[in-house]
PDB file of N, CA and C in Angstrom:
ATOM      1  N   MET A   1     269.060 -31.456 -77.645  1.00  0.00           N
ATOM      2  CA  MET A   1     270.208 -30.953 -78.825  1.00  0.00           C
ATOM      3  C   MET A   1     269.002 -30.106 -79.671  1.00  0.00           C
ATOM      4  N   GLU A   2     269.692 -28.675 -79.729  1.00  0.00           N
ATOM      5  CA  GLU A   2     268.830 -27.662 -80.689  1.00  0.00           C
ATOM      6  C   GLU A   2     269.404 -28.113 -82.505  1.00  0.00           C
ATOM      7  N   VAL A   3     268.619 -28.285 -83.074  1.00  0.00           N
ATOM      8  CA  VAL A   3     269.124 -28.259 -84.637  1.00  0.00           C
ATOM      9  C   VAL A   3     268.536 -26.950 -85.040  1.00  0.00           C
ATOM     10  N   PRO A   4     269.635 -26.029 -86.114  1.00  0.00           N
ATOM     11  CA  PRO A   4     269.284 -25.237 -86.852  1.00  0.00           C
ATOM     12  C   PRO A   4     268.421 -25.041 -87.631  1.00  0.00           C
ATOM     13  N   VAL A   5     267.696 -24.514 -87.520  1.00  0.00           N
ATOM     14  CA  VAL A   5     266.241 -24.596 -89.145  1.00  0.00           C
ATOM     15  C   VAL A   5     267.028 -24.178 -90.283  1.00  0.00           C
ATOM     16  N   VAL A   6     267.698 -23.502 -90.079  1.00  0.00           N
ATOM     17  CA  VAL A   6     268.294 -23.637 -91.652  1.00  0.00           C
ATOM     18  C   VAL A   6     269.085 -24.902 -92.734  1.00  0.00           C
ATOM     19  N   ASP A   7     269.348 -25.932 -91.215  1.00  0.00           N
ATOM     20  CA  ASP A   7     269.695 -27.083 -91.604  1.00  0.00           C
ATOM     21  C   ASP A   7     269.263 -28.560 -91.781  1.00  0.00           C
ATOM     22  N   VAL A   8     267.407 -27.839 -91.595  1.00  0.00           N
ATOM     23  CA  VAL A   8     266.337 -28.782 -91.591  1.00  0.00           C
ATOM     24  C   VAL A   8     265.717 -29.099 -93.015  1.00  0.00           C
ATOM     25  N   PHE A   9     265.952 -30.134 -93.617  1.00  0.00           N
ATOM     26  CA  PHE A   9     265.307 -30.775 -95.111  1.00  0.00           C
ATOM     27  C   PHE A   9     263.888 -30.723 -95.031  1.00  0.00           C
ATOM     28  N   TYR A  10     263.594 -31.444 -93.602  1.00  0.00           N
ATOM     29  CA  TYR A  10     261.745 -31.390 -93.731  1.00  0.00           C
ATOM     30  C   TYR A  10     261.648 -32.275 -92.182  1.00  0.00           C
ATOM     31  N   ALA A  11     260.565 -32.272 -91.799  1.00  0.00           N
ATOM     32  CA  ALA A  11     260.014 -32.787 -90.576  1.00  0.00           C
ATOM     33  C   ALA A  11     258.763 -34.094 -90.953  1.00  0.00           C
ATOM     34  N   GLU A  12     258.768 -34.839 -90.182  1.00  0.00           N
ATOM     35  CA  GLU A  12     258.224 -36.181 -90.420  1.00  0.00           C
ATOM     36  C   GLU A  12     257.548 -36.958 -88.922  1.00  0.00           C
ATOM     37  N   SER A  13     256.237 -36.874 -89.241  1.00  0.00           N
ATOM     38  CA  SER A  13     255.876 -37.596 -88.301  1.00  0.00           C
ATOM     39  C   SER A  13     255.527 -39.001 -88.518  1.00  0.00           C
ATOM     40  N   VAL A  14     256.251 -40.295 -87.646  1.00  0.00           N
ATOM     41  CA  VAL A  14     256.019 -41.302 -87.765  1.00  0.00           C
ATOM     42  C   VAL A  14     255.857 -42.319 -86.563  1.00  0.00           C
ATOM     43  N   ASP A  15     255.050 -42.731 -86.327  1.00  0.00           N
ATOM     44  CA  ASP A  15     254.300 -43.270 -85.538  1.00  0.00           C
ATOM     45  C   ASP A  15     254.452 -42.607 -83.813  1.00  0.00           C
ATOM     46  N   ASN A  16     253.638 -41.659 -84.025  1.00  0.00           N
ATOM     47  CA  ASN A  16     253.354 -40.599 -83.124  1.00  0.00           C
ATOM     48  C   ASN A  16     254.796 -40.331 -82.619  1.00  0.00           C
ATOM     49  N   ARG A  17     255.751 -40.227 -83.529  1.00  0.00           N
ATOM     50  CA  ARG A  17     256.836 -39.428 -83.050  1.00  0.00           C
ATOM     51  C   ARG A  17     257.406 -38.462 -84.272  1.00  0.00           C
ATOM     52  N   VAL A  18     257.641 -37.186 -83.862  1.00  0.00           N
ATOM     53  CA  VAL A  18     258.587 -36.480 -84.981  1.00  0.00           C
ATOM     54  C   VAL A  18     259.635 -36.449 -84.935  1.00  0.00           C
ATOM     55  N   PHE A  19     260.603 -36.557 -86.594  1.00  0.00           N
ATOM     56  CA  PHE A  19     261.647 -36.279 -86.812  1.00  0.00           C
ATOM     57  C   PHE A  19     262.268 -35.442 -87.403  1.00  0.00           C
ATOM     58  N   LEU A  20     263.304 -34.874 -87.154  1.00  0.00           N
ATOM     59  CA  LEU A  20     263.898 -33.601 -88.441  1.00  0.00           C
ATOM     60  C   LEU A  20     264.554 -34.200 -89.270  1.00  0.00           C
ATOM     61  N   TYR A  21     264.893 -33.932 -90.392  1.00  0.00           N
ATOM     62  CA  TYR A  21     266.012 -34.331 -91.449  1.00  0.00           C
ATOM     63  C   TYR A  21     266.992 -33.303 -91.914  1.00  0.00           C
ATOM     64  N   THR A  22     268.010 -33.973 -91.763  1.00  0.00           N
ATOM     65  CA  THR A  22     269.090 -32.670 -92.111  1.00  0.00           C
ATOM     66  C   THR A  22     269.880 -33.426 -93.266  1.00  0.00           C
ATOM     67  N   ALA A  23     270.809 -32.331 -93.884  1.00  0.00           N
ATOM     68  CA  ALA A  23     271.632 -33.464 -94.806  1.00  0.00           C
ATOM     69  C   ALA A  23     271.980 -34.971 -94.825  1.00  0.00           C
ATOM     70  N   LYS A  24     272.029 -35.107 -93.240  1.00  0.00           N
ATOM     71  CA  LYS A  24     273.140 -36.158 -93.071  1.00  0.00           C
ATOM     72  C   LYS A  24     272.379 -37.301 -91.529  1.00  0.00           C
ATOM     73  N   GLU A  25     271.836 -36.388 -91.156  1.00  0.00           N
ATOM     74  CA  GLU A  25     271.179 -36.829 -89.773  1.00  0.00           C
ATOM     75  C   GLU A  25     270.153 -36.502 -89.567  1.00  0.00           C
ATOM     76  N   SER A  26     268.920 -37.517 -88.723  1.00  0.00           N
ATOM     77  CA  SER A  26     267.775 -37.513 -88.556  1.00  0.00           C
ATOM     78  C   SER A  26     267.717 -37.113 -86.593  1.00  0.00           C
ATOM     79  N   PHE A  27     266.925 -36.440 -86.303  1.00  0.00           N
ATOM     80  CA  PHE A  27     266.645 -35.990 -85.184  1.00  0.00           C
ATOM     81  C   PHE A  27     265.217 -35.988 -84.554  1.00  0.00           C
ATOM     82  N   GLY A  28     265.224 -36.785 -82.945  1.00  0.00           N
ATOM     83  CA  GLY A  28     263.791 -36.864 -82.472  1.00  0.00           C
ATOM     84  C   GLY A  28     263.452 -35.256 -81.614  1.00  0.00           C
ATOM     85  N   VAL A  29     262.044 -35.240 -81.685  1.00  0.00           N
ATOM     86  CA  VAL A  29     261.983 -33.893 -81.128  1.00  0.00           C
ATOM     87  C   VAL A  29     260.619 -34.027 -80.214  1.00  0.00           C
ATOM     88  N   ARG A  30     260.604 -33.223 -79.388  1.00  0.00           N
ATOM     89  CA  ARG A  30     259.371 -33.702 -77.957  1.00  0.00           C
ATOM     90  C   ARG A  30     258.115 -32.454 -78.449  1.00  0.00           C
ATOM     91  N   MET A  31     257.544 -32.759 -79.670  1.00  0.00           N
ATOM     92  CA  MET A  31     256.514 -32.098 -79.862  1.00  0.00           C
ATOM     93  C   MET A  31     255.886 -32.830 -80.881  1.00  0.00           C
ATOM     94  N   LYS A  32     254.503 -32.543 -81.091  1.00  0.00           N
ATOM     95  CA  LYS A  32     253.684 -32.872 -82.079  1.00  0.00           C
ATOM     96  C   LYS A  32     253.808 -32.336 -83.408  1.00  0.00           C
ATOM     97  N   LEU A  33     253.203 -32.826 -84.584  1.00  0.00           N
ATOM     98  CA  LEU A  33     253.948 -32.024 -86.347  1.00  0.00           C
ATOM     99  C   LEU A  33     253.036 -30.995 -86.113  1.00  0.00           C
ATOM    100  N   TYR A  34     251.864 -30.729 -85.570  1.00  0.00           N
ATOM    101  CA  TYR A  34     251.205 -29.428 -85.274  1.00  0.00           C
ATOM    102  C   TYR A  34     251.636 -28.571 -84.614  1.00  0.00           C
ATOM    103  N   GLU A  35     252.303 -28.691 -83.781  1.00  0.00           N
ATOM    104  CA  GLU A  35     253.381 -27.880 -82.738  1.00  0.00           C
ATOM    105  C   GLU A  35     254.452 -27.168 -83.389  1.00  0.00           C
ATOM    106  N   LEU A  36     254.994 -28.404 -83.974  1.00  0.00           N
ATOM    107  CA  LEU A  36     256.188 -27.791 -84.970  1.00  0.00           C
ATOM    108  C   LEU A  36     256.131 -26.802 -85.786  1.00  0.00           C
ATOM    109  N   GLU A  37     254.679 -27.224 -86.705  1.00  0.00           N
ATOM    110  CA  GLU A  37     254.488 -26.071 -87.549  1.00  0.00           C
ATOM    111  C   GLU A  37     254.091 -24.698 -87.176  1.00  0.00           C
ATOM    112  N   GLU A  38     253.549 -24.606 -85.925  1.00  0.00           N
ATOM    113  CA  GLU A  38     252.938 -23.347 -85.664  1.00  0.00           C
ATOM    114  C   GLU A  38     254.497 -22.646 -85.286  1.00  0.00           C
ATOM    115  N   LYS A  39     255.554 -23.492 -84.934  1.00  0.00           N
ATOM    116  CA  LYS A  39     256.370 -23.109 -84.052  1.00  0.00           C
ATOM    117  C   LYS A  39     257.483 -22.719 -85.462  1.00  0.00           C
ATOM    118  N   LEU A  40     257.448 -22.759 -86.781  1.00  0.00           N
ATOM    119  CA  LEU A  40     257.933 -22.641 -87.725  1.00  0.00           C
ATOM    120  C   LEU A  40     257.061 -21.873 -88.815  1.00  0.00           C
ATOM    121  N   ARG A  41     256.074 -21.281 -88.295  1.00  0.00           N
ATOM    122  CA  ARG A  41     254.764 -20.367 -89.250  1.00  0.00           C
ATOM    123  C   ARG A  41     255.932 -19.135 -89.316  1.00  0.00           C
ATOM    124  N   GLY A  42     255.675 -18.471 -90.477  1.00  0.00           N
ATOM    125  CA  GLY A  42     256.418 -17.546 -90.776  1.00  0.00           C
ATOM    126  C   GLY A  42     258.040 -17.708 -91.443  1.00  0.00           C
ATOM    127  N   ARG A  43     258.226 -19.165 -91.749  1.00  0.00           N
ATOM    128  CA  ARG A  43     259.595 -19.535 -91.989  1.00  0.00           C
ATOM    129  C   ARG A  43     259.416 -20.103 -93.079  1.00  0.00           C
ATOM    130  N   SER A  44     260.212 -20.597 -93.543  1.00  0.00           N
ATOM    131  CA  SER A  44     260.066 -21.112 -95.028  1.00  0.00           C
ATOM    132  C   SER A  44     259.614 -22.293 -95.029  1.00  0.00           C
ATOM    133  N   PHE A  45     259.012 -23.069 -94.098  1.00  0.00           N
ATOM    134  CA  PHE A  45     258.532 -24.396 -94.103  1.00  0.00           C
ATOM    135  C   PHE A  45     256.815 -24.709 -94.407  1.00  0.00           C
ATOM    136  N   ILE A  46     256.139 -25.649 -94.706  1.00  0.00           N
ATOM    137  CA  ILE A  46     254.907 -25.783 -95.473  1.00  0.00           C
ATOM    138  C   ILE A  46     254.871 -27.088 -95.019  1.00  0.00           C
ATOM    139  N   ARG A  47     253.246 -27.216 -94.915  1.00  0.00           N
ATOM    140  CA  ARG A  47     252.955 -28.975 -95.051  1.00  0.00           C
ATOM    141  C   ARG A  47     252.856 -29.314 -96.347  1.00  0.00           C
ATOM    142  N   VAL A  48     253.336 -30.501 -96.331  1.00  0.00           N
ATOM    143  CA  VAL A  48     253.103 -31.337 -98.080  1.00  0.00           C
ATOM    144  C   VAL A  48     252.582 -32.577 -98.120  1.00  0.00           C
ATOM    145  N   GLN A  49     251.984 -33.111 -96.666  1.00  0.00           N
ATOM    146  CA  GLN A  49     251.858 -34.024 -96.597  1.00  0.00           C
ATOM    147  C   GLN A  49     250.829 -34.324 -95.202  1.00  0.00           C
ATOM    148  N   LYS A  50     250.027 -35.022 -94.640  1.00  0.00           N
ATOM    149  CA  LYS A  50     249.341 -35.399 -93.512  1.00  0.00           C
ATOM    150  C   LYS A  50     250.370 -35.002 -92.324  1.00  0.00           C
ATOM    151  N   SER A  51     251.441 -35.871 -92.675  1.00  0.00           N
ATOM    152  CA  SER A  51     252.660 -36.391 -91.506  1.00  0.00           C
ATOM    153  C   SER A  51     253.983 -35.488 -92.212  1.00  0.00           C
ATOM    154  N   THR A  52     253.763 -34.489 -92.694  1.00  0.00           N
ATOM    155  CA  THR A  52     255.386 -33.888 -93.487  1.00  0.00           C
ATOM    156  C   THR A  52     255.255 -32.475 -93.907  1.00  0.00           C
ATOM    157  N   LEU A  53     256.359 -31.749 -93.054  1.00  0.00           N
ATOM    158  CA  LEU A  53     256.741 -30.006 -93.346  1.00  0.00           C
ATOM    159  C   LEU A  53     257.556 -30.303 -94.117  1.00  0.00           C
ATOM    160  N   LEU A  54     257.770 -29.384 -95.058  1.00  0.00           N
ATOM    161  CA  LEU A  54     258.577 -29.346 -95.916  1.00  0.00           C
ATOM    162  C   LEU A  54     259.689 -27.988 -95.888  1.00  0.00           C
ATOM    163  N   ASN A  55     260.960 -27.726 -96.031  1.00  0.00           N
ATOM    164  CA  ASN A  55     261.723 -26.669 -96.158  1.00  0.00           C
ATOM    165  C   ASN A  55     261.964 -26.247 -97.466  1.00  0.00           C
ATOM    166  N   LEU A  56     261.231 -25.370 -97.942  1.00  0.00           N
ATOM    167  CA  LEU A  56     261.082 -24.577 -99.318  1.00  0.00           C
ATOM    168  C   LEU A  56     262.357 -24.575 -99.646  1.00  0.00           C
ATOM    169  N   MET A  57     263.625 -23.843 -98.791  1.00  0.00           N
ATOM    170  CA  MET A  57     264.690 -23.364 -99.045  1.00  0.00           C
ATOM    171  C   MET A  57     265.412 -24.662 -99.914  1.00  0.00           C
ATOM    172  N   LYS A  58     265.311 -25.699 -99.223  1.00  0.00           N
ATOM    173  CA  LYS A  58     265.729 -27.211 -99.492  1.00  0.00           C
ATOM    174  C   LYS A  58     265.418 -28.182-100.813  1.00  0.00           C
ATOM    175  N   ILE A  59     264.393 -27.207-101.879  1.00  0.00           N
ATOM    176  CA  ILE A  59     263.756 -28.152-103.170  1.00  0.00           C
ATOM    177  C   ILE A  59     264.564 -27.541-104.012  1.00  0.00           C
ATOM    178  N   GLU A  60     265.483 -28.228-104.460  1.00  0.00           N
ATOM    179  CA  GLU A  60     266.097 -28.421-106.031  1.00  0.00           C
ATOM    180  C   GLU A  60     264.839 -28.286-107.086  1.00  0.00           C
ATOM    181  N   GLY A  61     263.964 -29.064-106.883  1.00  0.00           N
ATOM    182  CA  GLY A  61     263.179 -29.288-108.301  1.00  0.00           C
ATOM    183  C   GLY A  61     261.698 -29.690-107.731  1.00  0.00           C
ATOM    184  N   ILE A  62     261.176 -29.613-109.080  1.00  0.00           N
ATOM    185  CA  ILE A  62     259.619 -30.002-108.259  1.00  0.00           C
ATOM    186  C   ILE A  62     259.262 -30.807-109.715  1.00  0.00           C
ATOM    187  N   LYS A  63     258.650 -32.113-109.526  1.00  0.00           N
ATOM    188  CA  LYS A  63     258.112 -32.787-110.809  1.00  0.00           C
ATOM    189  C   LYS A  63     256.674 -33.278-110.663  1.00  0.00           C
ATOM    190  N   PRO A  64     255.760 -32.977-111.709  1.00  0.00           N
ATOM    191  CA  PRO A  64     254.655 -33.859-111.543  1.00  0.00           C
ATOM    192  C   PRO A  64     254.212 -35.233-111.349  1.00  0.00           C
ATOM    193  N   ALA A  65     253.877 -35.929-110.261  1.00  0.00           N
ATOM    194  CA  ALA A  65     253.432 -37.183-109.919  1.00  0.00           C
ATOM    195  C   ALA A  65     252.215 -37.598-110.427  1.00  0.00           C
ATOM    196  N   LEU A  66     252.147 -39.112-110.395  1.00  0.00           N
ATOM    197  CA  LEU A  66     250.763 -39.695-110.313  1.00  0.00           C
ATOM    198  C   LEU A  66     249.361 -38.885-109.508  1.00  0.00           C
ATOM    199  N   GLY A  67     248.494 -38.960-110.489  1.00  0.00           N
ATOM    200  CA  GLY A  67     247.042 -38.856-109.294  1.00  0.00           C
ATOM    201  C   GLY A  67     247.100 -36.955-108.978  1.00  0.00           C
ATOM    202  N   GLY A  68     247.544 -36.378-109.502  1.00  0.00           N
ATOM    203  CA  GLY A  68     247.883 -35.036-109.391  1.00  0.00           C
ATOM    204  C   GLY A  68     248.425 -34.841-108.318  1.00  0.00           C
ATOM    205  N   ARG A  69     249.631 -35.541-107.721  1.00  0.00           N
ATOM    206  CA  ARG A  69     250.421 -35.032-106.508  1.00  0.00           C
ATOM    207  C   ARG A  69     251.369 -34.476-107.632  1.00  0.00           C
ATOM    208  N   TYR A  70     252.572 -34.231-106.736  1.00  0.00           N
ATOM    209  CA  TYR A  70     254.047 -33.771-107.090  1.00  0.00           C
ATOM    210  C   TYR A  70     255.137 -34.657-106.434  1.00  0.00           C
ATOM    211  N   SER A  71     256.467 -34.627-106.981  1.00  0.00           N
ATOM    212  CA  SER A  71     257.448 -34.752-106.164  1.00  0.00           C
ATOM    213  C   SER A  71     258.844 -34.244-105.869  1.00  0.00           C
ATOM    214  N   ALA A  72     259.175 -33.149-104.977  1.00  0.00           N
ATOM    215  CA  ALA A  72     260.061 -32.256-104.158  1.00  0.00           C
ATOM    216  C   ALA A  72     261.229 -32.937-104.530  1.00  0.00           C
ATOM    217  N   MET A  73     262.349 -32.525-105.473  1.00  0.00           N
ATOM    218  CA  MET A  73     263.677 -33.242-104.940  1.00  0.00           C
ATOM    219  C   MET A  73     264.240 -32.323-104.429  1.00  0.00           C
ATOM    220  N   LEU A  74     264.832 -32.928-103.302  1.00  0.00           N
ATOM    221  CA  LEU A  74     265.855 -31.741-102.630  1.00  0.00           C
ATOM    222  C   LEU A  74     267.261 -31.975-102.404  1.00  0.00           C
ATOM    223  N   LYS A  75     267.759 -30.912-102.366  1.00  0.00           N
ATOM    224  CA  LYS A  75     269.098 -30.859-102.570  1.00  0.00           C
ATOM    225  C   LYS A  75     270.236 -31.756-101.782  1.00  0.00           C
ATOM    226  N   ASN A  76     269.679 -32.559-100.896  1.00  0.00           N
ATOM    227  CA  ASN A  76     270.248 -33.971-100.125  1.00  0.00           C
ATOM    228  C   ASN A  76     270.138 -35.176-101.059  1.00  0.00           C
ATOM    229  N   GLY A  77     269.836 -35.004-102.121  1.00  0.00           N
ATOM    230  CA  GLY A  77     269.476 -36.057-103.346  1.00  0.00           C
ATOM    231  C   GLY A  77     267.811 -36.454-102.732  1.00  0.00           C
ATOM    232  N   GLU A  78     267.026 -36.436-101.467  1.00  0.00           N
ATOM    233  CA  GLU A  78     265.975 -36.989-101.160  1.00  0.00           C
ATOM    234  C   GLU A  78     265.010 -36.872-101.689  1.00  0.00           C
ATOM    235  N   GLU A  79     263.813 -37.334-102.225  1.00  0.00           N
ATOM    236  CA  GLU A  79     262.346 -36.929-102.855  1.00  0.00           C
ATOM    237  C   GLU A  79     261.740 -37.043-102.087  1.00  0.00           C
ATOM    238  N   ILE A  80     260.728 -36.163-102.073  1.00  0.00           N
ATOM    239  CA  ILE A  80     259.145 -36.258-100.689  1.00  0.00           C
ATOM    240  C   ILE A  80     258.239 -35.863-101.765  1.00  0.00           C
ATOM    241  N   LEU A  81     257.170 -36.730-101.751  1.00  0.00           N
ATOM    242  CA  LEU A  81     255.839 -36.718-102.247  1.00  0.00           C
ATOM    243  C   LEU A  81     255.057 -35.730-101.600  1.00  0.00           C
ATOM    244  N   ILE A  82     254.310 -34.945-102.490  1.00  0.00           N
ATOM    245  CA  ILE A  82     253.484 -33.697-101.777  1.00  0.00           C
ATOM    246  C   ILE A  82     252.135 -34.152-102.289  1.00  0.00           C
ATOM    247  N   SER A  83     251.057 -34.322-101.495  1.00  0.00           N
ATOM    248  CA  SER A  83     250.063 -35.296-101.549  1.00  0.00           C
ATOM    249  C   SER A  83     249.046 -34.040-102.453  1.00  0.00           C
ATOM    250  N   ARG A  84     247.885 -34.400-103.335  1.00  0.00           N
ATOM    251  CA  ARG A  84     246.962 -33.203-104.038  1.00  0.00           C
ATOM    252  C   ARG A  84     246.539 -32.246-102.961  1.00  0.00           C
ATOM    253  N   LYS A  85     245.993 -32.799-101.631  1.00  0.00           N
ATOM    254  CA  LYS A  85     245.758 -31.809-101.257  1.00  0.00           C
ATOM    255  C   LYS A  85     246.414 -30.625-101.108  1.00  0.00           C
ATOM    256  N   TYR A  86     247.831 -30.351-100.865  1.00  0.00           N
ATOM    257  CA  TYR A  86     248.750 -29.731-100.742  1.00  0.00           C
ATOM    258  C   TYR A  86     249.541 -28.735-101.871  1.00  0.00           C
ATOM    259  N   VAL A  87     248.839 -29.253-102.828  1.00  0.00           N
ATOM    260  CA  VAL A  87     249.659 -28.793-103.886  1.00  0.00           C
ATOM    261  C   VAL A  87     249.646 -27.440-104.680  1.00  0.00           C
ATOM    262  N   THR A  88     248.564 -27.279-104.175  1.00  0.00           N
ATOM    263  CA  THR A  88     248.103 -25.716-104.299  1.00  0.00           C
ATOM    264  C   THR A  88     248.766 -24.357-103.306  1.00  0.00           C
ATOM    265  N   ASP A  89     248.896 -24.968-101.893  1.00  0.00           N
ATOM    266  CA  ASP A  89     249.464 -24.520-101.082  1.00  0.00           C
ATOM    267  C   ASP A  89     251.277 -24.153-101.704  1.00  0.00           C
ATOM    268  N   LEU A  90     251.593 -25.269-101.669  1.00  0.00           N
ATOM    269  CA  LEU A  90     252.741 -25.265-102.234  1.00  0.00           C
ATOM    270  C   LEU A  90     253.416 -24.328-103.386  1.00  0.00           C
ATOM    271  N   LYS A  91     251.917 -24.229-104.459  1.00  0.00           N
ATOM    272  CA  LYS A  91     252.253 -23.293-105.498  1.00  0.00           C
ATOM    273  C   LYS A  91     252.561 -21.757-105.125  1.00  0.00           C
ATOM    274  N   ASN A  92     251.491 -21.655-103.769  1.00  0.00           N
ATOM    275  CA  ASN A  92     251.371 -20.537-103.750  1.00  0.00           C
ATOM    276  C   ASN A  92     252.638 -19.696-102.895  1.00  0.00           C
ATOM    277  N   ALA A  93     253.301 -20.603-102.072  1.00  0.00           N
ATOM    278  CA  ALA A  93     254.466 -20.394-101.130  1.00  0.00           C
ATOM    279  C   ALA A  93     255.409 -20.361-102.178  1.00  0.00           C
ATOM    280  N   LEU A  94     255.636 -21.068-102.984  1.00  0.00           N
ATOM    281  CA  LEU A  94     256.959 -20.692-104.020  1.00  0.00           C
ATOM    282  C   LEU A  94     256.637 -19.332-105.475  1.00  0.00           C
ATOM    283  N   ILE A  95     254.989 -19.080-105.075  1.00  0.00           N
ATOM    284  CA  ILE A  95     254.992 -17.976-106.133  1.00  0.00           C
ATOM    285  C   ILE A  95     255.153 -16.661-104.847  1.00  0.00           C
ATOM    286  N   ASN A  96     254.859 -16.721-103.732  1.00  0.00           N
ATOM    287  CA  ASN A  96     254.865 -15.769-103.215  1.00  0.00           C
ATOM    288  C   ASN A  96     255.870 -16.081-101.503  1.00  0.00           C
ATOM    289  N   PRO A  97     257.155 -16.445-101.822  1.00  0.00           N
ATOM    290  CA  PRO A  97     258.140 -17.132-100.794  1.00  0.00           C
ATOM    291  C   PRO A  97     257.938 -15.566 -99.421  1.00  0.00           C
ATOM    292  N   GLY A  98     258.017 -16.385 -98.300  1.00  0.00           N
ATOM    293  CA  GLY A  98     257.960 -15.745 -96.757  1.00  0.00           C
ATOM    294  C   GLY A  98     259.495 -15.715 -96.471  1.00  0.00           C
ATOM    295  N   PRO A  99     259.527 -15.184 -95.241  1.00  0.00           N
ATOM    296  CA  PRO A  99     261.078 -14.749 -94.619  1.00  0.00           C
ATOM    297  C   PRO A  99     261.836 -15.912 -94.913  1.00  0.00           C
ATOM    298  N   LYS A 100     263.019 -16.361 -94.865  1.00  0.00           N
ATOM    299  CA  LYS A 100     263.937 -17.368 -94.923  1.00  0.00           C
ATOM    300  C   LYS A 100     263.925 -17.868 -93.712  1.00  0.00           C
ATOM    301  N   ALA A 101     264.572 -19.149 -93.756  1.00  0.00           N
ATOM    302  CA  ALA A 101     264.576 -20.029 -92.513  1.00  0.00           C
ATOM    303  C   ALA A 101     265.575 -19.240 -91.484  1.00  0.00           C
ATOM    304  N   GLY A 102     265.384 -19.669 -90.184  1.00  0.00           N
ATOM    305  CA  GLY A 102     266.176 -18.854 -89.478  1.00  0.00           C
ATOM    306  C   GLY A 102     265.948 -19.426 -88.076  1.00  0.00           C
ATOM    307  N   GLY A 103     266.578 -19.289 -87.120  1.00  0.00           N
ATOM    308  CA  GLY A 103     266.623 -19.574 -85.350  1.00  0.00           C
ATOM    309  C   GLY A 103     266.813 -21.214 -85.266  1.00  0.00           C
ATOM    310  N   LYS A 104     266.060 -21.836 -84.449  1.00  0.00           N
ATOM    311  CA  LYS A 104     266.030 -23.423 -83.856  1.00  0.00           C
ATOM    312  C   LYS A 104     265.009 -23.703 -83.423  1.00  0.00           C
ATOM    313  N   ALA A 105     265.105 -25.079 -84.117  1.00  0.00           N
ATOM    314  CA  ALA A 105     264.053 -25.958 -83.946  1.00  0.00           C
ATOM    315  C   ALA A 105     263.987 -27.020 -82.674  1.00  0.00           C
TER     316      ALA A 105
END
């Protein structure tokens, strides 16, 4: 099943499987997270944890968390933790946004 990229809030690798999360559903995909990251390069996705890609267009707000990390509140009510390692990348992506999400995953 193809999932429109604009519908994806985030992608997560769990136990060697990758899942795409939309507002109401999740879908397993047959690729590694780094392969999905490469496929989504140039769209509004950014890695925020070793196992998570986040769609910047689905962020409603960001707040500081413990230990230099941040937390992203998504438009569907979920909250995603942003690892310290990826905070600078996130800030740069928000300051200089790339093309909007589009296509299929």
